């Protein structure tokens, strides 16, 4: 009886701790826990705070890239050299990745971790973003690539941690789609 009460108290504490963190703090801590040091990215407004925190932390090696394919190539080469990496991008940048995923990351079994801030939904003003958003999941499915959409902070750490562990163990890429329900999305001024 006492053991189950202790487990319940521990579980409750973990839930409170997880809820007191921001989504970007959860990403930082989970990357560190999984020894992911390299984080190339394409700048994005939703990811700005995360990018600034990664740059401020000497644990990480991080820099902007011109295109998402470049970031994927860098992380793939780093994996082959023994270093783990993750890529940060926006939904529209994902639209350029089908070739590099199908010809590099998937066949060469690169456990590429992609964090994709989701645009094109929940009040999106840009029609192009909406089109890309509607095609992203079908493209991931057609590549048989694991993907998860994070919408809730209380589940976020579990989703990221387990997805990273699975990607590394199975040597297969994973896309973690960051819903505006989690991040607050891009704020559009009138």
N, C-alpha and C. Protein backbone atom coordinates (compact mmCIF):
# COMPACT_ATOMS: atom_id res chain seq x y z
N UNK A 1 0.82 -1.19 0.00
CA UNK A 1 0.00 0.00 0.00
C UNK A 1 0.86 1.26 0.00
N UNK A 2 1.90 1.28 0.85
CA UNK A 2 2.77 2.45 0.94
C UNK A 2 3.52 2.68 -0.36
N UNK A 3 3.92 1.59 -1.04
CA UNK A 3 4.63 1.73 -2.31
C UNK A 3 3.76 2.39 -3.35
N UNK A 4 2.50 2.01 -3.44
CA UNK A 4 1.63 2.62 -4.45
C UNK A 4 1.35 4.07 -4.12
N UNK A 5 1.27 4.40 -2.82
CA UNK A 5 1.08 5.80 -2.44
C UNK A 5 2.31 6.62 -2.83
N UNK A 6 3.49 6.04 -2.65
CA UNK A 6 4.73 6.71 -3.04
C UNK A 6 4.82 6.92 -4.54
N UNK A 7 4.39 5.90 -5.30
CA UNK A 7 4.37 6.04 -6.75
C UNK A 7 3.41 7.13 -7.19
N UNK A 8 2.24 7.18 -6.54
CA UNK A 8 1.25 8.21 -6.89
C UNK A 8 1.79 9.59 -6.57
N UNK A 9 2.45 9.75 -5.43
CA UNK A 9 3.02 11.04 -5.06
C UNK A 9 4.11 11.44 -6.04
N UNK A 10 4.96 10.48 -6.42
CA UNK A 10 6.02 10.75 -7.39
C UNK A 10 5.44 11.14 -8.74
N UNK A 11 4.41 10.41 -9.16
CA UNK A 11 3.76 10.72 -10.44
C UNK A 11 3.15 12.11 -10.40
N UNK A 12 2.50 12.46 -9.30
CA UNK A 12 1.89 13.78 -9.16
C UNK A 12 2.96 14.87 -9.21
N UNK A 13 4.10 14.65 -8.55
CA UNK A 13 5.21 15.60 -8.57
C UNK A 13 5.75 15.78 -9.97
N UNK A 14 5.91 14.67 -10.71
CA UNK A 14 6.39 14.74 -12.09
C UNK A 14 5.44 15.54 -12.96
N UNK A 15 4.14 15.35 -12.78
CA UNK A 15 3.16 16.10 -13.56
C UNK A 15 3.25 17.59 -13.25
N UNK A 16 3.39 17.95 -11.96
CA UNK A 16 3.50 19.36 -11.58
C UNK A 16 4.78 19.97 -12.14
N UNK A 17 5.89 19.23 -12.05
CA UNK A 17 7.16 19.72 -12.56
C UNK A 17 7.08 19.94 -14.07
N UNK A 18 6.49 18.97 -14.77
CA UNK A 18 6.38 19.07 -16.22
C UNK A 18 5.52 20.26 -16.61
N UNK A 19 4.46 20.51 -15.84
CA UNK A 19 3.56 21.60 -16.19
C UNK A 19 4.14 22.96 -15.86
N UNK A 20 5.13 23.03 -14.95
CA UNK A 20 5.72 24.32 -14.60
C UNK A 20 6.78 24.75 -15.62
N UNK A 21 7.23 23.83 -16.46
CA UNK A 21 8.22 24.15 -17.50
C UNK A 21 7.50 24.65 -18.74
N UNK A 22 8.21 25.45 -19.53
CA UNK A 22 7.69 25.85 -20.84
C UNK A 22 8.02 24.76 -21.84
N UNK A 23 7.38 24.78 -22.99
CA UNK A 23 7.63 23.74 -24.00
C UNK A 23 9.08 23.78 -24.46
N UNK A 24 9.66 24.98 -24.59
CA UNK A 24 11.04 25.06 -25.07
C UNK A 24 12.03 24.58 -24.00
N UNK A 25 11.73 24.76 -22.72
CA UNK A 25 12.58 24.20 -21.67
C UNK A 25 12.54 22.68 -21.69
N UNK A 26 11.37 22.13 -21.98
CA UNK A 26 11.23 20.67 -22.09
C UNK A 26 12.10 20.15 -23.23
N UNK A 27 12.11 20.86 -24.36
CA UNK A 27 12.94 20.44 -25.50
C UNK A 27 14.42 20.45 -25.09
N UNK A 28 14.88 21.53 -24.49
CA UNK A 28 16.29 21.63 -24.08
C UNK A 28 16.69 20.49 -23.15
N UNK A 29 15.92 20.25 -22.12
CA UNK A 29 16.25 19.22 -21.15
C UNK A 29 16.22 17.83 -21.77
N UNK A 30 15.27 17.60 -22.64
CA UNK A 30 15.15 16.28 -23.26
C UNK A 30 16.28 16.04 -24.26
N UNK A 31 16.67 17.05 -25.01
CA UNK A 31 17.81 16.91 -25.91
C UNK A 31 19.06 16.56 -25.11
N UNK A 32 19.29 17.25 -24.02
CA UNK A 32 20.47 16.97 -23.18
C UNK A 32 20.42 15.55 -22.62
N UNK A 33 19.27 15.16 -22.12
CA UNK A 33 19.14 13.83 -21.53
C UNK A 33 19.43 12.73 -22.54
N UNK A 34 19.22 13.02 -23.82
CA UNK A 34 19.45 12.03 -24.88
C UNK A 34 20.73 12.29 -25.66
N UNK A 35 21.62 13.12 -25.11
CA UNK A 35 22.94 13.39 -25.68
C UNK A 35 22.86 13.94 -27.11
N UNK A 36 21.91 14.83 -27.34
CA UNK A 36 21.79 15.48 -28.65
C UNK A 36 22.37 16.88 -28.51
N UNK A 37 23.54 17.08 -29.14
CA UNK A 37 24.29 18.33 -28.98
C UNK A 37 24.21 19.24 -30.19
N UNK A 38 24.10 18.67 -31.36
CA UNK A 38 24.13 19.44 -32.61
C UNK A 38 22.70 19.83 -33.00
N UNK A 39 22.45 21.13 -33.20
CA UNK A 39 21.11 21.60 -33.53
C UNK A 39 21.16 22.68 -34.60
N UNK A 40 21.31 22.29 -35.87
CA UNK A 40 21.17 23.29 -36.94
C UNK A 40 19.68 23.61 -37.15
N UNK A 41 19.42 24.78 -37.69
CA UNK A 41 18.02 25.21 -37.82
C UNK A 41 17.87 26.21 -38.95
N UNK A 42 16.64 26.38 -39.37
CA UNK A 42 16.27 27.49 -40.23
C UNK A 42 15.42 28.41 -39.35
N UNK A 43 15.77 29.70 -39.25
CA UNK A 43 15.07 30.59 -38.33
C UNK A 43 13.55 30.58 -38.53
N UNK A 44 12.85 30.70 -37.41
CA UNK A 44 11.39 30.68 -37.41
C UNK A 44 10.92 31.45 -36.18
N UNK A 45 9.89 32.25 -36.33
CA UNK A 45 9.40 33.07 -35.23
C UNK A 45 8.92 32.22 -34.05
N UNK A 46 8.21 31.14 -34.30
CA UNK A 46 7.70 30.29 -33.22
C UNK A 46 8.85 29.66 -32.44
N UNK A 47 9.93 29.36 -33.11
CA UNK A 47 11.07 28.70 -32.48
C UNK A 47 12.10 29.68 -31.90
N UNK A 48 11.85 30.97 -31.99
CA UNK A 48 12.83 31.98 -31.59
C UNK A 48 13.35 31.79 -30.17
N UNK A 49 12.47 31.61 -29.20
CA UNK A 49 12.92 31.45 -27.80
C UNK A 49 13.76 30.19 -27.65
N UNK A 50 13.33 29.10 -28.25
CA UNK A 50 14.09 27.85 -28.20
C UNK A 50 15.48 28.05 -28.81
N UNK A 51 15.52 28.68 -29.96
CA UNK A 51 16.81 28.91 -30.63
C UNK A 51 17.73 29.77 -29.76
N UNK A 52 17.19 30.83 -29.17
CA UNK A 52 18.01 31.69 -28.29
C UNK A 52 18.55 30.91 -27.09
N UNK A 53 17.71 30.06 -26.50
CA UNK A 53 18.15 29.28 -25.34
C UNK A 53 19.20 28.23 -25.72
N UNK A 54 19.06 27.66 -26.90
CA UNK A 54 20.07 26.70 -27.37
C UNK A 54 21.40 27.41 -27.59
N UNK A 55 21.36 28.60 -28.21
CA UNK A 55 22.59 29.37 -28.43
C UNK A 55 23.25 29.78 -27.11
N UNK A 56 22.45 30.05 -26.10
CA UNK A 56 22.98 30.51 -24.81
C UNK A 56 23.57 29.38 -23.98
N UNK A 57 23.29 28.14 -24.35
CA UNK A 57 23.75 26.99 -23.58
C UNK A 57 25.00 26.40 -24.23
N UNK A 58 26.14 26.41 -23.54
CA UNK A 58 27.38 25.90 -24.14
C UNK A 58 27.36 24.40 -24.43
N UNK A 59 26.39 23.69 -23.93
CA UNK A 59 26.27 22.25 -24.22
C UNK A 59 26.04 22.02 -25.72
N UNK A 60 25.31 22.94 -26.35
CA UNK A 60 24.88 22.74 -27.74
C UNK A 60 25.81 23.40 -28.74
N UNK A 61 25.87 22.79 -29.92
CA UNK A 61 26.50 23.37 -31.10
C UNK A 61 25.32 23.69 -32.02
N UNK A 62 25.11 24.96 -32.29
CA UNK A 62 23.92 25.34 -33.05
C UNK A 62 24.24 26.51 -33.97
N UNK A 63 23.61 26.49 -35.14
CA UNK A 63 23.83 27.55 -36.13
C UNK A 63 22.71 27.51 -37.15
N UNK A 64 22.44 28.66 -37.78
CA UNK A 64 21.41 28.69 -38.82
C UNK A 64 21.94 28.10 -40.13
N UNK A 65 21.03 27.53 -40.89
CA UNK A 65 21.36 27.03 -42.22
C UNK A 65 20.49 27.77 -43.23
N UNK A 66 20.92 27.73 -44.47
CA UNK A 66 20.17 28.42 -45.52
C UNK A 66 18.88 27.69 -45.87
N UNK A 67 18.92 26.37 -45.81
CA UNK A 67 17.76 25.56 -46.19
C UNK A 67 17.66 24.34 -45.27
N UNK A 68 16.48 23.80 -45.19
CA UNK A 68 16.23 22.63 -44.34
C UNK A 68 17.03 21.41 -44.81
N UNK A 69 17.17 21.24 -46.12
CA UNK A 69 17.95 20.11 -46.65
C UNK A 69 19.40 20.17 -46.16
N UNK A 70 19.94 21.37 -46.07
CA UNK A 70 21.29 21.56 -45.58
C UNK A 70 21.39 21.09 -44.13
N UNK A 71 20.43 21.47 -43.31
CA UNK A 71 20.43 21.06 -41.91
C UNK A 71 20.33 19.54 -41.78
N UNK A 72 19.48 18.92 -42.59
CA UNK A 72 19.35 17.45 -42.57
C UNK A 72 20.67 16.80 -42.98
N UNK A 73 21.34 17.34 -44.00
CA UNK A 73 22.63 16.81 -44.43
C UNK A 73 23.69 16.92 -43.35
N UNK A 74 23.69 18.03 -42.63
CA UNK A 74 24.66 18.24 -41.56
C UNK A 74 24.44 17.24 -40.42
N UNK A 75 23.17 17.07 -40.02
CA UNK A 75 22.87 16.12 -38.95
C UNK A 75 23.17 14.68 -39.39
N UNK A 76 22.92 14.38 -40.66
CA UNK A 76 23.22 13.03 -41.17
C UNK A 76 24.71 12.76 -41.14
N UNK A 77 25.51 13.72 -41.59
CA UNK A 77 26.97 13.56 -41.55
C UNK A 77 27.48 13.45 -40.12
N UNK A 78 26.90 14.23 -39.23
CA UNK A 78 27.31 14.17 -37.82
C UNK A 78 27.01 12.79 -37.24
N UNK A 79 25.86 12.22 -37.57
CA UNK A 79 25.52 10.87 -37.08
C UNK A 79 26.56 9.86 -37.55
N UNK A 80 26.93 9.96 -38.82
CA UNK A 80 27.93 9.04 -39.37
C UNK A 80 29.28 9.21 -38.67
N UNK A 81 29.52 10.40 -38.13
CA UNK A 81 30.75 10.68 -37.39
C UNK A 81 30.63 10.46 -35.89
N UNK A 82 29.46 10.00 -35.43
CA UNK A 82 29.30 9.67 -34.02
C UNK A 82 28.62 10.71 -33.16
N UNK A 83 28.04 11.73 -33.76
CA UNK A 83 27.37 12.77 -32.98
C UNK A 83 25.88 12.78 -33.29
N UNK A 84 25.07 12.96 -32.26
CA UNK A 84 23.62 13.03 -32.42
C UNK A 84 23.18 14.47 -32.66
N UNK A 85 22.15 14.62 -33.50
CA UNK A 85 21.67 15.96 -33.80
C UNK A 85 20.17 16.00 -34.03
N UNK A 86 19.65 17.21 -34.00
CA UNK A 86 18.24 17.47 -34.28
C UNK A 86 18.16 18.71 -35.15
N UNK A 87 17.11 18.80 -35.94
CA UNK A 87 16.90 19.93 -36.84
C UNK A 87 15.63 20.67 -36.41
N UNK A 88 15.70 22.01 -36.42
CA UNK A 88 14.54 22.84 -36.13
C UNK A 88 14.09 23.52 -37.42
N UNK A 89 12.79 23.49 -37.70
CA UNK A 89 12.27 24.09 -38.93
C UNK A 89 10.80 24.42 -38.78
N UNK A 90 10.24 25.05 -39.79
CA UNK A 90 8.82 25.38 -39.87
C UNK A 90 8.15 24.46 -40.89
N UNK A 91 6.85 24.37 -40.83
CA UNK A 91 6.10 23.52 -41.75
C UNK A 91 6.46 23.79 -43.21
N UNK A 92 6.55 25.05 -43.60
CA UNK A 92 6.83 25.36 -45.01
C UNK A 92 8.20 24.82 -45.43
N UNK A 93 9.15 24.80 -44.52
CA UNK A 93 10.46 24.24 -44.83
C UNK A 93 10.42 22.74 -45.00
N UNK A 94 9.50 22.09 -44.31
CA UNK A 94 9.36 20.65 -44.46
C UNK A 94 9.03 20.29 -45.90
N UNK A 95 8.31 21.17 -46.58
CA UNK A 95 7.87 20.89 -47.96
C UNK A 95 9.03 20.62 -48.91
N UNK A 96 10.23 21.04 -48.54
CA UNK A 96 11.39 20.86 -49.41
C UNK A 96 12.16 19.57 -49.13
N UNK A 97 11.70 18.76 -48.17
CA UNK A 97 12.51 17.67 -47.66
C UNK A 97 12.25 16.27 -48.22
N UNK A 98 11.24 16.07 -49.02
CA UNK A 98 10.90 14.70 -49.45
C UNK A 98 12.10 13.98 -50.07
N UNK A 99 12.85 14.64 -50.92
CA UNK A 99 13.98 13.99 -51.58
C UNK A 99 15.08 13.61 -50.61
N UNK A 100 15.48 14.53 -49.73
CA UNK A 100 16.59 14.22 -48.81
C UNK A 100 16.18 13.16 -47.79
N UNK A 101 14.91 13.14 -47.42
CA UNK A 101 14.46 12.09 -46.51
C UNK A 101 14.46 10.73 -47.20
N UNK A 102 13.91 10.70 -48.44
CA UNK A 102 13.78 9.43 -49.17
C UNK A 102 15.11 8.92 -49.71
N UNK A 103 16.08 9.82 -49.94
CA UNK A 103 17.34 9.37 -50.54
C UNK A 103 18.51 9.33 -49.56
N UNK A 104 18.35 9.91 -48.37
CA UNK A 104 19.46 9.93 -47.41
C UNK A 104 19.03 9.39 -46.04
N UNK A 105 18.19 10.12 -45.34
CA UNK A 105 17.89 9.79 -43.95
C UNK A 105 17.25 8.41 -43.78
N UNK A 106 16.28 8.10 -44.61
CA UNK A 106 15.57 6.82 -44.45
C UNK A 106 16.41 5.64 -44.93
N UNK A 107 16.92 5.63 -46.17
CA UNK A 107 17.66 4.43 -46.60
C UNK A 107 18.98 4.21 -45.86
N UNK A 108 19.60 5.28 -45.37
CA UNK A 108 20.86 5.12 -44.65
C UNK A 108 20.66 5.05 -43.14
N UNK A 109 19.41 4.91 -42.74
CA UNK A 109 19.03 4.70 -41.35
C UNK A 109 19.63 5.73 -40.40
N UNK A 110 19.39 6.99 -40.73
CA UNK A 110 19.85 8.11 -39.90
C UNK A 110 18.72 8.45 -38.92
N UNK A 111 18.97 8.39 -37.62
CA UNK A 111 17.93 8.75 -36.66
C UNK A 111 17.79 10.27 -36.54
N UNK A 112 17.34 10.86 -37.61
CA UNK A 112 17.15 12.30 -37.71
C UNK A 112 15.97 12.72 -36.83
N UNK A 113 16.19 13.66 -35.94
CA UNK A 113 15.13 14.18 -35.09
C UNK A 113 14.76 15.55 -35.66
N UNK A 114 13.51 15.69 -36.09
CA UNK A 114 13.06 16.97 -36.66
C UNK A 114 11.98 17.57 -35.77
N UNK A 115 12.19 18.81 -35.37
CA UNK A 115 11.16 19.58 -34.68
C UNK A 115 10.59 20.56 -35.70
N UNK A 116 9.30 20.44 -35.96
CA UNK A 116 8.65 21.23 -37.01
C UNK A 116 7.56 22.09 -36.38
N UNK A 117 7.76 23.42 -36.37
CA UNK A 117 6.70 24.30 -35.87
C UNK A 117 5.59 24.35 -36.93
N UNK A 118 4.39 24.06 -36.49
CA UNK A 118 3.28 23.91 -37.43
C UNK A 118 2.62 25.25 -37.75
N UNK A 119 2.60 25.55 -39.02
CA UNK A 119 1.85 26.67 -39.57
C UNK A 119 0.80 26.10 -40.50
N UNK A 120 -0.14 26.91 -40.90
CA UNK A 120 -1.14 26.48 -41.87
C UNK A 120 -2.44 26.01 -41.24
N UNK A 121 -2.59 26.23 -39.96
CA UNK A 121 -3.79 25.78 -39.27
C UNK A 121 -4.13 26.77 -38.16
N UNK A 122 -5.30 26.64 -37.60
CA UNK A 122 -5.73 27.43 -36.45
C UNK A 122 -5.53 28.94 -36.65
N UNK A 123 -6.18 29.46 -37.67
CA UNK A 123 -6.17 30.90 -37.91
C UNK A 123 -5.11 31.38 -38.88
N UNK A 124 -4.47 30.47 -39.60
CA UNK A 124 -3.42 30.83 -40.55
C UNK A 124 -3.97 31.79 -41.61
N UNK A 125 -3.19 32.83 -41.93
CA UNK A 125 -3.60 33.80 -42.94
C UNK A 125 -2.99 33.51 -44.31
N UNK A 126 -1.92 32.72 -44.34
CA UNK A 126 -1.19 32.49 -45.58
C UNK A 126 -1.66 31.19 -46.23
N UNK A 127 -2.29 31.30 -47.38
CA UNK A 127 -2.85 30.13 -48.06
C UNK A 127 -1.77 29.09 -48.38
N UNK A 128 -0.58 29.56 -48.75
CA UNK A 128 0.52 28.64 -49.05
C UNK A 128 0.89 27.79 -47.85
N UNK A 129 0.90 28.39 -46.67
CA UNK A 129 1.18 27.64 -45.45
C UNK A 129 0.11 26.57 -45.22
N UNK A 130 -1.13 26.90 -45.49
CA UNK A 130 -2.23 25.95 -45.32
C UNK A 130 -2.08 24.75 -46.24
N UNK A 131 -1.69 25.00 -47.49
CA UNK A 131 -1.49 23.90 -48.43
C UNK A 131 -0.37 22.96 -47.97
N UNK A 132 0.74 23.53 -47.54
CA UNK A 132 1.86 22.72 -47.09
C UNK A 132 1.48 21.92 -45.85
N UNK A 133 0.76 22.55 -44.95
CA UNK A 133 0.34 21.86 -43.72
C UNK A 133 -0.51 20.63 -44.05
N UNK A 134 -1.39 20.76 -45.03
CA UNK A 134 -2.26 19.64 -45.40
C UNK A 134 -1.48 18.50 -46.06
N UNK A 135 -0.32 18.78 -46.62
CA UNK A 135 0.45 17.73 -47.30
C UNK A 135 1.52 17.09 -46.41
N UNK A 136 1.88 17.76 -45.30
CA UNK A 136 3.00 17.28 -44.48
C UNK A 136 2.77 15.87 -43.94
N UNK A 137 1.67 15.62 -43.28
CA UNK A 137 1.43 14.30 -42.69
C UNK A 137 1.28 13.21 -43.76
N UNK A 138 0.57 13.46 -44.87
CA UNK A 138 0.54 12.44 -45.92
C UNK A 138 1.92 12.11 -46.50
N UNK A 139 2.79 13.10 -46.61
CA UNK A 139 4.16 12.84 -47.09
C UNK A 139 4.90 11.97 -46.07
N UNK A 140 4.80 12.31 -44.81
CA UNK A 140 5.44 11.50 -43.77
C UNK A 140 4.91 10.07 -43.78
N UNK A 141 3.59 9.93 -43.94
CA UNK A 141 2.99 8.60 -44.00
C UNK A 141 3.47 7.82 -45.23
N UNK A 142 3.57 8.50 -46.38
CA UNK A 142 4.00 7.80 -47.60
C UNK A 142 5.46 7.35 -47.50
N UNK A 143 6.25 8.04 -46.68
CA UNK A 143 7.64 7.64 -46.45
C UNK A 143 7.75 6.63 -45.30
N UNK A 144 6.60 6.26 -44.73
CA UNK A 144 6.55 5.37 -43.56
C UNK A 144 7.43 5.91 -42.44
N UNK A 145 7.39 7.23 -42.27
CA UNK A 145 8.22 7.89 -41.28
C UNK A 145 7.40 8.20 -40.03
N UNK A 146 7.94 7.83 -38.89
CA UNK A 146 7.30 8.08 -37.61
C UNK A 146 7.11 9.58 -37.42
N UNK A 147 5.93 9.97 -36.94
CA UNK A 147 5.70 11.38 -36.62
C UNK A 147 4.64 11.50 -35.54
N UNK A 148 4.79 12.54 -34.74
CA UNK A 148 3.85 12.80 -33.65
C UNK A 148 3.57 14.30 -33.63
N UNK A 149 2.33 14.65 -33.36
CA UNK A 149 1.95 16.04 -33.22
C UNK A 149 1.75 16.32 -31.74
N UNK A 150 2.55 17.23 -31.22
CA UNK A 150 2.47 17.60 -29.80
C UNK A 150 1.50 18.76 -29.64
N UNK A 151 0.49 18.54 -28.80
CA UNK A 151 -0.53 19.56 -28.57
C UNK A 151 -0.62 19.97 -27.11
N UNK A 152 -0.13 19.11 -26.21
CA UNK A 152 -0.31 19.36 -24.78
C UNK A 152 1.02 19.28 -24.04
N UNK A 153 1.26 20.27 -23.19
CA UNK A 153 2.51 20.32 -22.43
C UNK A 153 2.65 19.14 -21.48
N UNK A 154 1.55 18.66 -20.92
CA UNK A 154 1.65 17.55 -19.96
C UNK A 154 2.06 16.24 -20.62
N UNK A 155 1.97 16.12 -21.92
CA UNK A 155 2.40 14.92 -22.64
C UNK A 155 3.70 15.12 -23.42
N UNK A 156 4.11 16.35 -23.54
CA UNK A 156 5.18 16.72 -24.46
C UNK A 156 6.51 16.05 -24.15
N UNK A 157 6.94 16.07 -22.90
CA UNK A 157 8.24 15.50 -22.55
C UNK A 157 8.26 14.00 -22.84
N UNK A 158 7.20 13.30 -22.52
CA UNK A 158 7.10 11.87 -22.79
C UNK A 158 7.21 11.60 -24.30
N UNK A 159 6.48 12.37 -25.09
CA UNK A 159 6.48 12.19 -26.55
C UNK A 159 7.87 12.41 -27.13
N UNK A 160 8.51 13.50 -26.73
CA UNK A 160 9.85 13.80 -27.26
C UNK A 160 10.85 12.74 -26.83
N UNK A 161 10.90 12.45 -25.54
CA UNK A 161 11.88 11.52 -25.02
C UNK A 161 11.74 10.14 -25.67
N UNK A 162 10.54 9.62 -25.72
CA UNK A 162 10.33 8.29 -26.30
C UNK A 162 10.57 8.29 -27.80
N UNK A 163 10.22 9.36 -28.48
CA UNK A 163 10.45 9.45 -29.92
C UNK A 163 11.94 9.44 -30.24
N UNK A 164 12.71 10.19 -29.46
CA UNK A 164 14.16 10.23 -29.66
C UNK A 164 14.77 8.85 -29.40
N UNK A 165 14.37 8.24 -28.30
CA UNK A 165 14.90 6.91 -27.97
C UNK A 165 14.56 5.90 -29.06
N UNK A 166 13.33 5.95 -29.58
CA UNK A 166 12.93 5.03 -30.64
C UNK A 166 13.72 5.30 -31.92
N UNK A 167 13.88 6.57 -32.27
CA UNK A 167 14.63 6.91 -33.48
C UNK A 167 16.06 6.37 -33.41
N UNK A 168 16.70 6.54 -32.28
CA UNK A 168 18.08 6.09 -32.13
C UNK A 168 18.15 4.56 -32.12
N UNK A 169 17.26 3.93 -31.40
CA UNK A 169 17.27 2.46 -31.31
C UNK A 169 16.97 1.80 -32.65
N UNK A 170 15.98 2.33 -33.37
CA UNK A 170 15.58 1.74 -34.65
C UNK A 170 16.34 2.33 -35.83
N UNK A 171 17.14 3.36 -35.58
CA UNK A 171 17.87 4.09 -36.61
C UNK A 171 16.94 4.53 -37.74
N UNK A 172 15.90 5.25 -37.32
CA UNK A 172 14.92 5.77 -38.26
C UNK A 172 14.56 7.20 -37.87
N UNK A 173 14.35 8.08 -38.84
CA UNK A 173 14.01 9.46 -38.53
C UNK A 173 12.63 9.60 -37.89
N UNK A 174 12.44 10.71 -37.20
CA UNK A 174 11.15 11.02 -36.59
C UNK A 174 10.90 12.52 -36.73
N UNK A 175 9.64 12.87 -36.96
CA UNK A 175 9.23 14.28 -37.01
C UNK A 175 8.34 14.56 -35.81
N UNK A 176 8.70 15.58 -35.07
CA UNK A 176 7.90 16.04 -33.94
C UNK A 176 7.27 17.37 -34.35
N UNK A 177 5.98 17.32 -34.61
CA UNK A 177 5.26 18.49 -35.10
C UNK A 177 4.74 19.27 -33.89
N UNK A 178 5.14 20.53 -33.80
CA UNK A 178 4.79 21.37 -32.66
C UNK A 178 3.54 22.18 -33.01
N UNK A 179 2.40 21.71 -32.55
CA UNK A 179 1.12 22.35 -32.83
C UNK A 179 1.03 23.74 -32.18
N UNK A 180 0.28 24.66 -32.81
CA UNK A 180 0.03 25.94 -32.15
C UNK A 180 -0.69 25.78 -30.81
N UNK A 181 -1.37 24.65 -30.61
CA UNK A 181 -2.00 24.39 -29.31
C UNK A 181 -0.95 24.26 -28.21
N UNK A 182 0.27 23.83 -28.57
CA UNK A 182 1.37 23.72 -27.62
C UNK A 182 2.17 25.02 -27.55
N UNK A 183 2.53 25.57 -28.71
CA UNK A 183 3.47 26.69 -28.77
C UNK A 183 2.82 28.07 -28.71
N UNK A 184 1.54 28.13 -28.99
CA UNK A 184 0.86 29.43 -29.11
C UNK A 184 0.89 29.93 -30.54
N UNK A 185 1.68 29.27 -31.39
CA UNK A 185 1.73 29.61 -32.82
C UNK A 185 2.34 30.96 -33.07
N UNK A 186 2.26 31.35 -34.31
CA UNK A 186 2.76 32.67 -34.75
C UNK A 186 1.67 33.68 -34.50
N UNK A 187 2.01 34.77 -33.88
CA UNK A 187 1.04 35.83 -33.60
C UNK A 187 1.04 36.79 -34.77
N UNK A 188 -0.14 37.06 -35.29
CA UNK A 188 -0.28 37.92 -36.45
C UNK A 188 -0.84 39.26 -36.02
N UNK A 189 -0.08 40.33 -36.26
CA UNK A 189 -0.54 41.67 -35.92
C UNK A 189 -1.35 42.23 -37.07
N UNK A 190 -2.36 43.00 -36.73
CA UNK A 190 -3.21 43.62 -37.77
C UNK A 190 -2.63 44.93 -38.22
